Amino acid sequence: PNTRVRFGPALIGGAVGGIVWQTAGWVFAIFAASSNSYAAIYSGFA
């Protein structure tokens, strides 16, 4: 960002964002593993 961001707020945002991103990765992995219907519908575009 084109402004002075303090380390504390950036770390809080990074901590929440990082935890949410990793958690979303686990949830999305479950979704991707059970998305065989997408492969049947979209074929190579899935």
ModelCIF file with pLDDT and N, C-alpha, C, O atoms, coordinates in Angstrom:
data_MODEL
#
_entry.id   MODEL 
#
_entity.id                         1 
_entity.type                       polymer 
_entity.pdbx_number_of_molecules   1 
#
_entity_poly.entity_id                      1 
_entity_poly.type                           'polypeptide(L)' 
_entity_poly.nstd_linkage                   no 
_entity_poly.nstd_monomer                   no 
_entity_poly.pdbx_seq_one_letter_code       PNTRVRFGPALIGGAVGGIVWQTAGWVFAIFAASSNSYAAIYSGFA 
_entity_poly.pdbx_seq_one_letter_code_can   PNTRVRFGPALIGGAVGGIVWQTAGWVFAIFAASSNSYAAIYSGFA 
_entity_poly.pdbx_strand_id                 A 
#
loop_
_entity_poly_seq.entity_id 
_entity_poly_seq.num 
_entity_poly_seq.mon_id 
_entity_poly_seq.hetero 
1 1  PRO n 
1 2  ASN n 
1 3  THR n 
1 4  ARG n 
1 5  VAL n 
1 6  ARG n 
1 7  PHE n 
1 8  GLY n 
1 9  PRO n 
1 10 ALA n 
1 11 LEU n 
1 12 ILE n 
1 13 GLY n 
1 14 GLY n 
1 15 ALA n 
1 16 VAL n 
1 17 GLY n 
1 18 GLY n 
1 19 ILE n 
1 20 VAL n 
1 21 TRP n 
1 22 GLN n 
1 23 THR n 
1 24 ALA n 
1 25 GLY n 
1 26 TRP n 
1 27 VAL n 
1 28 PHE n 
1 29 ALA n 
1 30 ILE n 
1 31 PHE n 
1 32 ALA n 
1 33 ALA n 
1 34 SER n 
1 35 SER n 
1 36 ASN n 
1 37 SER n 
1 38 TYR n 
1 39 ALA n 
1 40 ALA n 
1 41 ILE n 
1 42 TYR n 
1 43 SER n 
1 44 GLY n 
1 45 PHE n 
1 46 ALA n 
#
_struct_asym.id          A 
_struct_asym.entity_id   1 
#
loop_
_ma_qa_metric.id 
_ma_qa_metric.mode 
_ma_qa_metric.name 
_ma_qa_metric.software_group_id 
_ma_qa_metric.type 
1 global pLDDT . pLDDT 
2 local  pLDDT . pLDDT 
#
_ma_qa_metric_global.metric_id      1 
_ma_qa_metric_global.metric_value   79.98 
_ma_qa_metric_global.model_id       1 
_ma_qa_metric_global.ordinal_id     1 
#
loop_
_ma_qa_metric_local.label_asym_id 
_ma_qa_metric_local.label_comp_id 
_ma_qa_metric_local.label_seq_id 
_ma_qa_metric_local.metric_id 
_ma_qa_metric_local.metric_value 
_ma_qa_metric_local.model_id 
_ma_qa_metric_local.ordinal_id 
A PRO 1  2 89.00 1 1  
A ASN 2  2 85.00 1 2  
A THR 3  2 84.00 1 3  
A ARG 4  2 85.00 1 4  
A VAL 5  2 90.00 1 5  
A ARG 6  2 90.00 1 6  
A PHE 7  2 92.00 1 7  
A GLY 8  2 92.00 1 8  
A PRO 9  2 93.00 1 9  
A ALA 10 2 93.00 1 10 
A LEU 11 2 93.00 1 11 
A ILE 12 2 94.00 1 12 
A GLY 13 2 93.00 1 13 
A GLY 14 2 92.00 1 14 
A ALA 15 2 93.00 1 15 
A VAL 16 2 93.00 1 16 
A GLY 17 2 91.00 1 17 
A GLY 18 2 89.00 1 18 
A ILE 19 2 90.00 1 19 
A VAL 20 2 91.00 1 20 
A TRP 21 2 88.00 1 21 
A GLN 22 2 85.00 1 22 
A THR 23 2 86.00 1 23 
A ALA 24 2 86.00 1 24 
A GLY 25 2 82.00 1 25 
A TRP 26 2 82.00 1 26 
A VAL 27 2 82.00 1 27 
A PHE 28 2 80.00 1 28 
A ALA 29 2 78.00 1 29 
A ILE 30 2 77.00 1 30 
A PHE 31 2 75.00 1 31 
A ALA 32 2 72.00 1 32 
A ALA 33 2 70.00 1 33 
A SER 34 2 69.00 1 34 
A SER 35 2 65.00 1 35 
A ASN 36 2 64.00 1 36 
A SER 37 2 62.00 1 37 
A TYR 38 2 60.00 1 38 
A ALA 39 2 59.00 1 39 
A ALA 40 2 61.00 1 40 
A ILE 41 2 62.00 1 41 
A TYR 42 2 59.00 1 42 
A SER 43 2 62.00 1 43 
A GLY 44 2 62.00 1 44 
A PHE 45 2 69.00 1 45 
A ALA 46 2 70.00 1 46 
#
loop_
_atom_site.group_PDB 
_atom_site.id 
_atom_site.type_symbol 
_atom_site.label_atom_id 
_atom_site.label_alt_id 
_atom_site.label_comp_id 
_atom_site.label_asym_id 
_atom_site.label_entity_id 
_atom_site.label_seq_id 
_atom_site.pdbx_PDB_ins_code 
_atom_site.Cartn_x 
_atom_site.Cartn_y 
_atom_site.Cartn_z 
_atom_site.occupancy 
_atom_site.B_iso_or_equiv 
_atom_site.pdbx_formal_charge 
_atom_site.auth_seq_id 
_atom_site.auth_comp_id 
_atom_site.auth_asym_id 
_atom_site.auth_atom_id 
_atom_site.pdbx_PDB_model_num 
ATOM 1   N N  . PRO A 1 1  ? 0.830   -1.227  0.000   1.00 89.00 ? 1  PRO A N  1 
ATOM 2   C CA . PRO A 1 1  ? 0.000   0.000   0.000   1.00 89.00 ? 1  PRO A CA 1 
ATOM 3   C C  . PRO A 1 1  ? 0.854   1.262   0.000   1.00 89.00 ? 1  PRO A C  1 
ATOM 4   O O  . PRO A 1 1  ? 1.949   1.287   0.561   1.00 89.00 ? 1  PRO A O  1 
ATOM 5   N N  . ASN A 1 2  ? 0.337   2.302   -0.635  1.00 85.00 ? 2  ASN A N  1 
ATOM 6   C CA . ASN A 1 2  ? 1.056   3.581   -0.719  1.00 85.00 ? 2  ASN A CA 1 
ATOM 7   C C  . ASN A 1 2  ? 0.768   4.425   0.521   1.00 85.00 ? 2  ASN A C  1 
ATOM 8   O O  . ASN A 1 2  ? 0.300   5.559   0.427   1.00 85.00 ? 2  ASN A O  1 
ATOM 9   N N  . THR A 1 3  ? 1.057   3.846   1.672   1.00 84.00 ? 3  THR A N  1 
ATOM 10  C CA . THR A 1 3  ? 0.906   4.544   2.947   1.00 84.00 ? 3  THR A CA 1 
ATOM 11  C C  . THR A 1 3  ? 1.754   3.818   3.972   1.00 84.00 ? 3  THR A C  1 
ATOM 12  O O  . THR A 1 3  ? 2.224   2.707   3.729   1.00 84.00 ? 3  THR A O  1 
ATOM 13  N N  . ARG A 1 4  ? 1.945   4.446   5.114   1.00 85.00 ? 4  ARG A N  1 
ATOM 14  C CA . ARG A 1 4  ? 2.735   3.823   6.174   1.00 85.00 ? 4  ARG A CA 1 
ATOM 15  C C  . ARG A 1 4  ? 1.820   2.941   7.013   1.00 85.00 ? 4  ARG A C  1 
ATOM 16  O O  . ARG A 1 4  ? 0.962   3.434   7.744   1.00 85.00 ? 4  ARG A O  1 
ATOM 17  N N  . VAL A 1 5  ? 2.013   1.644   6.900   1.00 90.00 ? 5  VAL A N  1 
ATOM 18  C CA . VAL A 1 5  ? 1.239   0.672   7.674   1.00 90.00 ? 5  VAL A CA 1 
ATOM 19  C C  . VAL A 1 5  ? 2.106   0.217   8.847   1.00 90.00 ? 5  VAL A C  1 
ATOM 20  O O  . VAL A 1 5  ? 3.236   -0.232  8.654   1.00 90.00 ? 5  VAL A O  1 
ATOM 21  N N  . ARG A 1 6  ? 1.581   0.333   10.041  1.00 90.00 ? 6  ARG A N  1 
ATOM 22  C CA . ARG A 1 6  ? 2.326   -0.102  11.221  1.00 90.00 ? 6  ARG A CA 1 
ATOM 23  C C  . ARG A 1 6  ? 2.413   -1.632  11.258  1.00 90.00 ? 6  ARG A C  1 
ATOM 24  O O  . ARG A 1 6  ? 1.555   -2.339  10.729  1.00 90.00 ? 6  ARG A O  1 
ATOM 25  N N  . PHE A 1 7  ? 3.485   -2.117  11.903  1.00 92.00 ? 7  PHE A N  1 
ATOM 26  C CA . PHE A 1 7  ? 3.717   -3.565  11.910  1.00 92.00 ? 7  PHE A CA 1 
ATOM 27  C C  . PHE A 1 7  ? 2.618   -4.302  12.667  1.00 92.00 ? 7  PHE A C  1 
ATOM 28  O O  . PHE A 1 7  ? 2.186   -5.373  12.240  1.00 92.00 ? 7  PHE A O  1 
ATOM 29  N N  . GLY A 1 8  ? 2.155   -3.735  13.797  1.00 92.00 ? 8  GLY A N  1 
ATOM 30  C CA . GLY A 1 8  ? 1.137   -4.409  14.601  1.00 92.00 ? 8  GLY A CA 1 
ATOM 31  C C  . GLY A 1 8  ? -0.144  -4.700  13.825  1.00 92.00 ? 8  GLY A C  1 
ATOM 32  O O  . GLY A 1 8  ? -0.552  -5.858  13.744  1.00 92.00 ? 8  GLY A O  1 
ATOM 33  N N  . PRO A 1 9  ? -0.801  -3.669  13.245  1.00 93.00 ? 9  PRO A N  1 
ATOM 34  C CA . PRO A 1 9  ? -2.002  -3.941  12.443  1.00 93.00 ? 9  PRO A CA 1 
ATOM 35  C C  . PRO A 1 9  ? -1.736  -4.874  11.268  1.00 93.00 ? 9  PRO A C  1 
ATOM 36  O O  . PRO A 1 9  ? -2.566  -5.728  10.954  1.00 93.00 ? 9  PRO A O  1 
ATOM 37  N N  . ALA A 1 10 ? -0.567  -4.715  10.606  1.00 93.00 ? 10 ALA A N  1 
ATOM 38  C CA . ALA A 1 10 ? -0.258  -5.608  9.479   1.00 93.00 ? 10 ALA A CA 1 
ATOM 39  C C  . ALA A 1 10 ? -0.136  -7.050  9.952   1.00 93.00 ? 10 ALA A C  1 
ATOM 40  O O  . ALA A 1 10 ? -0.591  -7.965  9.265   1.00 93.00 ? 10 ALA A O  1 
ATOM 41  N N  . LEU A 1 11 ? 0.472   -7.266  11.114  1.00 93.00 ? 11 LEU A N  1 
ATOM 42  C CA . LEU A 1 11 ? 0.619   -8.626  11.646  1.00 93.00 ? 11 LEU A CA 1 
ATOM 43  C C  . LEU A 1 11 ? -0.743  -9.211  12.027  1.00 93.00 ? 11 LEU A C  1 
ATOM 44  O O  . LEU A 1 11 ? -1.000  -10.392 11.793  1.00 93.00 ? 11 LEU A O  1 
ATOM 45  N N  . ILE A 1 12 ? -1.615  -8.384  12.616  1.00 94.00 ? 12 ILE A N  1 
ATOM 46  C CA . ILE A 1 12 ? -2.958  -8.874  12.971  1.00 94.00 ? 12 ILE A CA 1 
ATOM 47  C C  . ILE A 1 12 ? -3.720  -9.274  11.710  1.00 94.00 ? 12 ILE A C  1 
ATOM 48  O O  . ILE A 1 12 ? -4.328  -10.343 11.658  1.00 94.00 ? 12 ILE A O  1 
ATOM 49  N N  . GLY A 1 13 ? -3.684  -8.406  10.688  1.00 93.00 ? 13 GLY A N  1 
ATOM 50  C CA . GLY A 1 13 ? -4.349  -8.739  9.427   1.00 93.00 ? 13 GLY A CA 1 
ATOM 51  C C  . GLY A 1 13 ? -3.730  -9.964  8.779   1.00 93.00 ? 13 GLY A C  1 
ATOM 52  O O  . GLY A 1 13 ? -4.443  -10.815 8.248   1.00 93.00 ? 13 GLY A O  1 
ATOM 53  N N  . GLY A 1 14 ? -2.377  -10.062 8.818   1.00 92.00 ? 14 GLY A N  1 
ATOM 54  C CA . GLY A 1 14 ? -1.711  -11.220 8.237   1.00 92.00 ? 14 GLY A CA 1 
ATOM 55  C C  . GLY A 1 14 ? -2.032  -12.505 8.976   1.00 92.00 ? 14 GLY A C  1 
ATOM 56  O O  . GLY A 1 14 ? -2.190  -13.558 8.358   1.00 92.00 ? 14 GLY A O  1 
ATOM 57  N N  . ALA A 1 15 ? -2.130  -12.425 10.313  1.00 93.00 ? 15 ALA A N  1 
ATOM 58  C CA . ALA A 1 15 ? -2.443  -13.625 11.099  1.00 93.00 ? 15 ALA A CA 1 
ATOM 59  C C  . ALA A 1 15 ? -3.855  -14.131 10.790  1.00 93.00 ? 15 ALA A C  1 
ATOM 60  O O  . ALA A 1 15 ? -4.059  -15.320 10.546  1.00 93.00 ? 15 ALA A O  1 
ATOM 61  N N  . VAL A 1 16 ? -4.818  -13.220 10.804  1.00 93.00 ? 16 VAL A N  1 
ATOM 62  C CA . VAL A 1 16 ? -6.196  -13.628 10.507  1.00 93.00 ? 16 VAL A CA 1 
ATOM 63  C C  . VAL A 1 16 ? -6.306  -14.126 9.064   1.00 93.00 ? 16 VAL A C  1 
ATOM 64  O O  . VAL A 1 16 ? -6.912  -15.164 8.800   1.00 93.00 ? 16 VAL A O  1 
ATOM 65  N N  . GLY A 1 17 ? -5.706  -13.363 8.126   1.00 91.00 ? 17 GLY A N  1 
ATOM 66  C CA . GLY A 1 17 ? -5.758  -13.770 6.727   1.00 91.00 ? 17 GLY A CA 1 
ATOM 67  C C  . GLY A 1 17 ? -5.078  -15.107 6.483   1.00 91.00 ? 17 GLY A C  1 
ATOM 68  O O  . GLY A 1 17 ? -5.595  -15.943 5.742   1.00 91.00 ? 17 GLY A O  1 
ATOM 69  N N  . GLY A 1 18 ? -3.896  -15.317 7.117   1.00 89.00 ? 18 GLY A N  1 
ATOM 70  C CA . GLY A 1 18 ? -3.183  -16.577 6.922   1.00 89.00 ? 18 GLY A CA 1 
ATOM 71  C C  . GLY A 1 18 ? -3.947  -17.767 7.464   1.00 89.00 ? 18 GLY A C  1 
ATOM 72  O O  . GLY A 1 18 ? -3.999  -18.815 6.820   1.00 89.00 ? 18 GLY A O  1 
ATOM 73  N N  . ILE A 1 19 ? -4.545  -17.622 8.648   1.00 90.00 ? 19 ILE A N  1 
ATOM 74  C CA . ILE A 1 19 ? -5.317  -18.721 9.227   1.00 90.00 ? 19 ILE A CA 1 
ATOM 75  C C  . ILE A 1 19 ? -6.547  -19.022 8.367   1.00 90.00 ? 19 ILE A C  1 
ATOM 76  O O  . ILE A 1 19 ? -6.866  -20.184 8.111   1.00 90.00 ? 19 ILE A O  1 
ATOM 77  N N  . VAL A 1 20 ? -7.232  -17.968 7.927   1.00 91.00 ? 20 VAL A N  1 
ATOM 78  C CA . VAL A 1 20 ? -8.411  -18.169 7.070   1.00 91.00 ? 20 VAL A CA 1 
ATOM 79  C C  . VAL A 1 20 ? -8.010  -18.817 5.750   1.00 91.00 ? 20 VAL A C  1 
ATOM 80  O O  . VAL A 1 20 ? -8.727  -19.679 5.241   1.00 91.00 ? 20 VAL A O  1 
ATOM 81  N N  . TRP A 1 21 ? -6.855  -18.404 5.186   1.00 88.00 ? 21 TRP A N  1 
ATOM 82  C CA . TRP A 1 21 ? -6.415  -18.965 3.897   1.00 88.00 ? 21 TRP A CA 1 
ATOM 83  C C  . TRP A 1 21 ? -6.103  -20.446 4.028   1.00 88.00 ? 21 TRP A C  1 
ATOM 84  O O  . TRP A 1 21 ? -6.514  -21.239 3.181   1.00 88.00 ? 21 TRP A O  1 
ATOM 85  N N  . GLN A 1 22 ? -5.379  -20.837 5.080   1.00 85.00 ? 22 GLN A N  1 
ATOM 86  C CA . GLN A 1 22 ? -5.064  -22.250 5.271   1.00 85.00 ? 22 GLN A CA 1 
ATOM 87  C C  . GLN A 1 22 ? -6.322  -23.068 5.524   1.00 85.00 ? 22 GLN A C  1 
ATOM 88  O O  . GLN A 1 22 ? -6.464  -24.176 5.008   1.00 85.00 ? 22 GLN A O  1 
ATOM 89  N N  . THR A 1 23 ? -7.236  -22.516 6.321   1.00 86.00 ? 23 THR A N  1 
ATOM 90  C CA . THR A 1 23 ? -8.490  -23.221 6.589   1.00 86.00 ? 23 THR A CA 1 
ATOM 91  C C  . THR A 1 23 ? -9.325  -23.355 5.319   1.00 86.00 ? 23 THR A C  1 
ATOM 92  O O  . THR A 1 23 ? -9.915  -24.403 5.054   1.00 86.00 ? 23 THR A O  1 
ATOM 93  N N  . ALA A 1 24 ? -9.365  -22.270 4.537   1.00 86.00 ? 24 ALA A N  1 
ATOM 94  C CA . ALA A 1 24 ? -10.092 -22.328 3.261   1.00 86.00 ? 24 ALA A CA 1 
ATOM 95  C C  . ALA A 1 24 ? -9.466  -23.360 2.329   1.00 86.00 ? 24 ALA A C  1 
ATOM 96  O O  . ALA A 1 24 ? -10.171 -24.001 1.549   1.00 86.00 ? 24 ALA A O  1 
ATOM 97  N N  . GLY A 1 25 ? -8.127  -23.526 2.408   1.00 82.00 ? 25 GLY A N  1 
ATOM 98  C CA . GLY A 1 25 ? -7.457  -24.537 1.586   1.00 82.00 ? 25 GLY A CA 1 
ATOM 99  C C  . GLY A 1 25 ? -7.915  -25.938 1.933   1.00 82.00 ? 25 GLY A C  1 
ATOM 100 O O  . GLY A 1 25 ? -8.129  -26.756 1.039   1.00 82.00 ? 25 GLY A O  1 
ATOM 101 N N  . TRP A 1 26 ? -8.070  -26.232 3.228   1.00 82.00 ? 26 TRP A N  1 
ATOM 102 C CA . TRP A 1 26 ? -8.561  -27.549 3.620   1.00 82.00 ? 26 TRP A CA 1 
ATOM 103 C C  . TRP A 1 26 ? -9.993  -27.774 3.139   1.00 82.00 ? 26 TRP A C  1 
ATOM 104 O O  . TRP A 1 26 ? -10.323 -28.835 2.610   1.00 82.00 ? 26 TRP A O  1 
ATOM 105 N N  . VAL A 1 27 ? -10.832 -26.768 3.329   1.00 82.00 ? 27 VAL A N  1 
ATOM 106 C CA . VAL A 1 27 ? -12.225 -26.905 2.899   1.00 82.00 ? 27 VAL A CA 1 
ATOM 107 C C  . VAL A 1 27 ? -12.305 -27.060 1.389   1.00 82.00 ? 27 VAL A C  1 
ATOM 108 O O  . VAL A 1 27 ? -13.086 -27.868 0.885   1.00 82.00 ? 27 VAL A O  1 
ATOM 109 N N  . PHE A 1 28 ? -11.503 -26.292 0.667   1.00 80.00 ? 28 PHE A N  1 
ATOM 110 C CA . PHE A 1 28 ? -11.549 -26.374 -0.796  1.00 80.00 ? 28 PHE A CA 1 
ATOM 111 C C  . PHE A 1 28 ? -10.998 -27.713 -1.281  1.00 80.00 ? 28 PHE A C  1 
ATOM 112 O O  . PHE A 1 28 ? -11.444 -28.228 -2.306  1.00 80.00 ? 28 PHE A O  1 
ATOM 113 N N  . ALA A 1 29 ? -10.028 -28.285 -0.553  1.00 78.00 ? 29 ALA A N  1 
ATOM 114 C CA . ALA A 1 29 ? -9.500  -29.596 -0.935  1.00 78.00 ? 29 ALA A CA 1 
ATOM 115 C C  . ALA A 1 29 ? -10.599 -30.656 -0.845  1.00 78.00 ? 29 ALA A C  1 
ATOM 116 O O  . ALA A 1 29 ? -10.701 -31.530 -1.706  1.00 78.00 ? 29 ALA A O  1 
ATOM 117 N N  . ILE A 1 30 ? -11.421 -30.569 0.206   1.00 77.00 ? 30 ILE A N  1 
ATOM 118 C CA . ILE A 1 30 ? -12.548 -31.502 0.326   1.00 77.00 ? 30 ILE A CA 1 
ATOM 119 C C  . ILE A 1 30 ? -13.530 -31.293 -0.820  1.00 77.00 ? 30 ILE A C  1 
ATOM 120 O O  . ILE A 1 30 ? -14.041 -32.255 -1.394  1.00 77.00 ? 30 ILE A O  1 
ATOM 121 N N  . PHE A 1 31 ? -13.791 -30.018 -1.153  1.00 75.00 ? 31 PHE A N  1 
ATOM 122 C CA . PHE A 1 31 ? -14.700 -29.710 -2.262  1.00 75.00 ? 31 PHE A CA 1 
ATOM 123 C C  . PHE A 1 31 ? -14.143 -30.229 -3.585  1.00 75.00 ? 31 PHE A C  1 
ATOM 124 O O  . PHE A 1 31 ? -14.883 -30.796 -4.389  1.00 75.00 ? 31 PHE A O  1 
ATOM 125 N N  . ALA A 1 32 ? -12.828 -30.036 -3.818  1.00 72.00 ? 32 ALA A N  1 
ATOM 126 C CA . ALA A 1 32 ? -12.231 -30.482 -5.076  1.00 72.00 ? 32 ALA A CA 1 
ATOM 127 C C  . ALA A 1 32 ? -12.239 -32.003 -5.186  1.00 72.00 ? 32 ALA A C  1 
ATOM 128 O O  . ALA A 1 32 ? -12.429 -32.551 -6.272  1.00 72.00 ? 32 ALA A O  1 
ATOM 129 N N  . ALA A 1 33 ? -12.030 -32.690 -4.048  1.00 70.00 ? 33 ALA A N  1 
ATOM 130 C CA . ALA A 1 33 ? -12.018 -34.149 -4.082  1.00 70.00 ? 33 ALA A CA 1 
ATOM 131 C C  . ALA A 1 33 ? -13.393 -34.736 -4.393  1.00 70.00 ? 33 ALA A C  1 
ATOM 132 O O  . ALA A 1 33 ? -13.491 -35.846 -4.916  1.00 70.00 ? 33 ALA A O  1 
ATOM 133 N N  . SER A 1 34 ? -14.452 -33.997 -4.074  1.00 69.00 ? 34 SER A N  1 
ATOM 134 C CA . SER A 1 34 ? -15.814 -34.495 -4.307  1.00 69.00 ? 34 SER A CA 1 
ATOM 135 C C  . SER A 1 34 ? -16.481 -33.829 -5.500  1.00 69.00 ? 34 SER A C  1 
ATOM 136 O O  . SER A 1 34 ? -17.707 -33.828 -5.613  1.00 69.00 ? 34 SER A O  1 
ATOM 137 N N  . SER A 1 35 ? -15.670 -33.260 -6.393  1.00 65.00 ? 35 SER A N  1 
ATOM 138 C CA . SER A 1 35 ? -16.244 -32.521 -7.527  1.00 65.00 ? 35 SER A CA 1 
ATOM 139 C C  . SER A 1 35 ? -16.121 -33.307 -8.822  1.00 65.00 ? 35 SER A C  1 
ATOM 140 O O  . SER A 1 35 ? -15.789 -32.745 -9.865  1.00 65.00 ? 35 SER A O  1 
ATOM 141 N N  . ASN A 1 36 ? -16.387 -34.599 -8.759  1.00 64.00 ? 36 ASN A N  1 
ATOM 142 C CA . ASN A 1 36 ? -16.309 -35.409 -9.985  1.00 64.00 ? 36 ASN A CA 1 
ATOM 143 C C  . ASN A 1 36 ? -17.356 -34.974 -11.004 1.00 64.00 ? 36 ASN A C  1 
ATOM 144 O O  . ASN A 1 36 ? -17.162 -35.133 -12.209 1.00 64.00 ? 36 ASN A O  1 
ATOM 145 N N  . SER A 1 37 ? -18.466 -34.425 -10.515 1.00 62.00 ? 37 SER A N  1 
ATOM 146 C CA . SER A 1 37 ? -19.517 -33.986 -11.448 1.00 62.00 ? 37 SER A CA 1 
ATOM 147 C C  . SER A 1 37 ? -19.039 -32.845 -12.321 1.00 62.00 ? 37 SER A C  1 
ATOM 148 O O  . SER A 1 37 ? -19.466 -32.715 -13.468 1.00 62.00 ? 37 SER A O  1 
ATOM 149 N N  . TYR A 1 38 ? -18.144 -32.009 -11.781 1.00 60.00 ? 38 TYR A N  1 
ATOM 150 C CA . TYR A 1 38 ? -17.606 -30.918 -12.593 1.00 60.00 ? 38 TYR A CA 1 
ATOM 151 C C  . TYR A 1 38 ? -16.798 -31.466 -13.762 1.00 60.00 ? 38 TYR A C  1 
ATOM 152 O O  . TYR A 1 38 ? -16.883 -30.958 -14.879 1.00 60.00 ? 38 TYR A O  1 
ATOM 153 N N  . ALA A 1 39 ? -16.011 -32.512 -13.493 1.00 59.00 ? 39 ALA A N  1 
ATOM 154 C CA . ALA A 1 39 ? -15.229 -33.122 -14.573 1.00 59.00 ? 39 ALA A CA 1 
ATOM 155 C C  . ALA A 1 39 ? -16.139 -33.732 -15.626 1.00 59.00 ? 39 ALA A C  1 
ATOM 156 O O  . ALA A 1 39 ? -15.823 -33.702 -16.815 1.00 59.00 ? 39 ALA A O  1 
ATOM 157 N N  . ALA A 1 40 ? -17.267 -34.285 -15.196 1.00 61.00 ? 40 ALA A N  1 
ATOM 158 C CA . ALA A 1 40 ? -18.194 -34.875 -16.158 1.00 61.00 ? 40 ALA A CA 1 
ATOM 159 C C  . ALA A 1 40 ? -18.871 -33.808 -17.002 1.00 61.00 ? 40 ALA A C  1 
ATOM 160 O O  . ALA A 1 40 ? -19.160 -34.034 -18.177 1.00 61.00 ? 40 ALA A O  1 
ATOM 161 N N  . ILE A 1 41 ? -19.129 -32.627 -16.401 1.00 62.00 ? 41 ILE A N  1 
ATOM 162 C CA . ILE A 1 41 ? -19.827 -31.565 -17.126 1.00 62.00 ? 41 ILE A CA 1 
ATOM 163 C C  . ILE A 1 41 ? -18.862 -30.750 -17.983 1.00 62.00 ? 41 ILE A C  1 
ATOM 164 O O  . ILE A 1 41 ? -19.127 -30.505 -19.160 1.00 62.00 ? 41 ILE A O  1 
ATOM 165 N N  . TYR A 1 42 ? -17.732 -30.327 -17.387 1.00 59.00 ? 42 TYR A N  1 
ATOM 166 C CA . TYR A 1 42 ? -16.823 -29.407 -18.064 1.00 59.00 ? 42 TYR A CA 1 
ATOM 167 C C  . TYR A 1 42 ? -15.646 -30.108 -18.743 1.00 59.00 ? 42 TYR A C  1 
ATOM 168 O O  . TYR A 1 42 ? -14.879 -29.470 -19.464 1.00 59.00 ? 42 TYR A O  1 
ATOM 169 N N  . SER A 1 43 ? -15.501 -31.390 -18.522 1.00 62.00 ? 43 SER A N  1 
ATOM 170 C CA . SER A 1 43 ? -14.439 -32.168 -19.159 1.00 62.00 ? 43 SER A CA 1 
ATOM 171 C C  . SER A 1 43 ? -13.070 -31.550 -18.868 1.00 62.00 ? 43 SER A C  1 
ATOM 172 O O  . SER A 1 43 ? -12.714 -31.370 -17.704 1.00 62.00 ? 43 SER A O  1 
ATOM 173 N N  . GLY A 1 44 ? -12.299 -31.222 -19.906 1.00 62.00 ? 44 GLY A N  1 
ATOM 174 C CA . GLY A 1 44 ? -10.953 -30.691 -19.708 1.00 62.00 ? 44 GLY A CA 1 
ATOM 175 C C  . GLY A 1 44 ? -10.919 -29.318 -19.085 1.00 62.00 ? 44 GLY A C  1 
ATOM 176 O O  . GLY A 1 44 ? -9.877  -28.901 -18.580 1.00 62.00 ? 44 GLY A O  1 
ATOM 177 N N  . PHE A 1 45 ? -12.044 -28.592 -19.104 1.00 69.00 ? 45 PHE A N  1 
ATOM 178 C CA . PHE A 1 45 ? -12.083 -27.250 -18.518 1.00 69.00 ? 45 PHE A CA 1 
ATOM 179 C C  . PHE A 1 45 ? -12.287 -27.283 -16.996 1.00 69.00 ? 45 PHE A C  1 
ATOM 180 O O  . PHE A 1 45 ? -12.221 -26.240 -16.346 1.00 69.00 ? 45 PHE A O  1 
ATOM 181 N N  . ALA A 1 46 ? -12.533 -28.461 -16.427 1.00 70.00 ? 46 ALA A N  1 
ATOM 182 C CA . ALA A 1 46 ? -12.799 -28.550 -14.989 1.00 70.00 ? 46 ALA A CA 1 
ATOM 183 C C  . ALA A 1 46 ? -11.598 -28.079 -14.182 1.00 70.00 ? 46 ALA A C  1 
ATOM 184 O O  . ALA A 1 46 ? -11.641 -28.084 -12.952 1.00 70.00 ? 46 ALA A O  1 
#
